[in-house]
C-alpha atoms as a PDB file:
ATOM      1  CA  MET A   1      28.104 -10.818  21.668  1.00  0.00           C
ATOM      2  CA  ASN A   2      31.081  -9.143  21.001  1.00  0.00           C
ATOM      3  CA  GLY A   3      33.449  -9.768  18.177  1.00  0.00           C
ATOM      4  CA  GLN A   4      36.996 -11.325  19.834  1.00  0.00           C
ATOM      5  CA  ASN A   5      36.702 -15.042  18.915  1.00  0.00           C
ATOM      6  CA  ARG A   6      36.706 -16.034  15.213  1.00  0.00           C
ATOM      7  CA  SER A   7      34.462 -19.003  15.605  1.00  0.00           C
ATOM      8  CA  ASP A   8      31.840 -17.332  16.559  1.00  0.00           C
ATOM      9  CA  ILE A   9      31.773 -15.022  12.960  1.00  0.00           C
ATOM     10  CA  TYR A  10      30.795 -16.127   9.551  1.00  0.00           C
ATOM     11  CA  PRO A  11      29.830 -14.963   6.224  1.00  0.00           C
ATOM     12  CA  GLY A  12      26.448 -13.557   5.921  1.00  0.00           C
ATOM     13  CA  LEU A  13      26.367 -12.581   9.636  1.00  0.00           C
ATOM     14  CA  GLU A  14      25.365  -9.346  10.757  1.00  0.00           C
ATOM     15  CA  VAL A  15      27.404  -7.193  12.613  1.00  0.00           C
ATOM     16  CA  ASP A  16      28.596  -4.141  14.074  1.00  0.00           C
ATOM     17  CA  ILE A  17      31.984  -2.853  13.126  1.00  0.00           C
ATOM     18  CA  ILE A  18      34.480   0.111  13.665  1.00  0.00           C
ATOM     19  CA  LEU A  19      36.317   0.938  11.074  1.00  0.00           C
ATOM     20  CA  LYS A  20      39.998   2.332  10.960  1.00  0.00           C
ATOM     21  CA  GLN A  21      39.218   5.932  10.626  1.00  0.00           C
ATOM     22  CA  ASP A  22      36.110   5.756  13.232  1.00  0.00           C
ATOM     23  CA  GLN A  23      38.520   4.576  15.999  1.00  0.00           C
ATOM     24  CA  ARG A  24      38.771   7.526  17.613  1.00  0.00           C
ATOM     25  CA  SER A  25      35.083   8.595  18.289  1.00  0.00           C
ATOM     26  CA  ALA A  26      33.831   4.727  18.009  1.00  0.00           C
ATOM     27  CA  LYS A  27      31.071   5.532  15.178  1.00  0.00           C
ATOM     28  CA  ARG A  28      29.766   1.853  14.640  1.00  0.00           C
ATOM     29  CA  THR A  29      28.949   0.820  10.915  1.00  0.00           C
ATOM     30  CA  ARG A  30      26.622  -2.154  10.555  1.00  0.00           C
ATOM     31  CA  GLY A  31      26.838  -4.846   7.849  1.00  0.00           C
ATOM     32  CA  ILE A  32      26.717  -8.120   6.690  1.00  0.00           C
ATOM     33  CA  VAL A  33      30.053 -10.358   6.988  1.00  0.00           C
ATOM     34  CA  LYS A  34      31.424 -11.573   3.478  1.00  0.00           C
ATOM     35  CA  ASN A  35      35.080 -12.487   4.414  1.00  0.00           C
ATOM     36  CA  LEU A  36      37.426 -12.844   7.742  1.00  0.00           C
ATOM     37  CA  LEU A  37      40.860 -10.961   7.463  1.00  0.00           C
ATOM     38  CA  THR A  38      41.851 -11.739  10.735  1.00  0.00           C
ATOM     39  CA  SER A  39      43.693 -15.828  10.643  1.00  0.00           C
ATOM     40  CA  SER A  40      43.993 -15.988  14.324  1.00  0.00           C
ATOM     41  CA  ALA A  41      41.762 -17.505  16.555  1.00  0.00           C
ATOM     42  CA  TYR A  42      41.368 -14.482  18.790  1.00  0.00           C
ATOM     43  CA  HIS A  43      41.830 -10.628  18.489  1.00  0.00           C
ATOM     44  CA  SER A  44      41.529  -8.605  21.977  1.00  0.00           C
ATOM     45  CA  ARG A  45      40.490  -5.815  19.768  1.00  0.00           C
ATOM     46  CA  GLY A  46      38.256  -7.600  17.210  1.00  0.00           C
ATOM     47  CA  ILE A  47      38.194 -10.032  14.283  1.00  0.00           C
ATOM     48  CA  LYS A  48      38.705  -8.085  11.322  1.00  0.00           C
ATOM     49  CA  VAL A  49      36.227  -8.313   8.217  1.00  0.00           C
ATOM     50  CA  ARG A  50      35.345  -7.276   5.057  1.00  0.00           C
ATOM     51  CA  LEU A  51      31.505  -6.392   4.793  1.00  0.00           C
ATOM     52  CA  GLU A  52      29.704  -6.981   1.656  1.00  0.00           C
ATOM     53  CA  ASP A  53      29.856  -3.472   0.411  1.00  0.00           C
ATOM     54  CA  GLY A  54      33.487  -3.265   0.246  1.00  0.00           C
ATOM     55  CA  GLN A  55      34.365  -1.608   3.892  1.00  0.00           C
ATOM     56  CA  VAL A  56      36.795  -3.280   6.050  1.00  0.00           C
ATOM     57  CA  GLY A  57      36.503  -2.985   9.923  1.00  0.00           C
ATOM     58  CA  ARG A  58      37.292  -5.119  13.261  1.00  0.00           C
ATOM     59  CA  VAL A  59      33.851  -6.584  14.706  1.00  0.00           C
ATOM     60  CA  ILE A  60      33.183  -4.990  17.997  1.00  0.00           C
ATOM     61  CA  GLU A  61      29.612  -6.739  18.506  1.00  0.00           C
ATOM     62  CA  ILE A  62      27.500  -9.729  16.747  1.00  0.00           C
ATOM     63  CA  ILE A  63      24.290  -8.665  16.204  1.00  0.00           C
ATOM     64  CA  GLU A  64      21.826 -11.250  17.860  1.00  0.00           C
ATOM     65  CA  GLU A  65      19.164 -12.749  15.520  1.00  0.00           C
ATOM     66  CA  ASP A  66      15.693 -13.679  16.449  1.00  0.00           C
END
């Protein structure tokens, strides 16, 4: 699932994000959402979040839980 809809993302969710400095290489960073930084309901490049470890980036994939 992609991370373009704010309603799909919430604190505690495991996601893959792209950090600002990794946008050219498309290197993914996995982590747990601490809080959402994008206030709009939809963003074409992904909702911006802060992970529990403090890193900030846009959600590109929500990791499905079994």
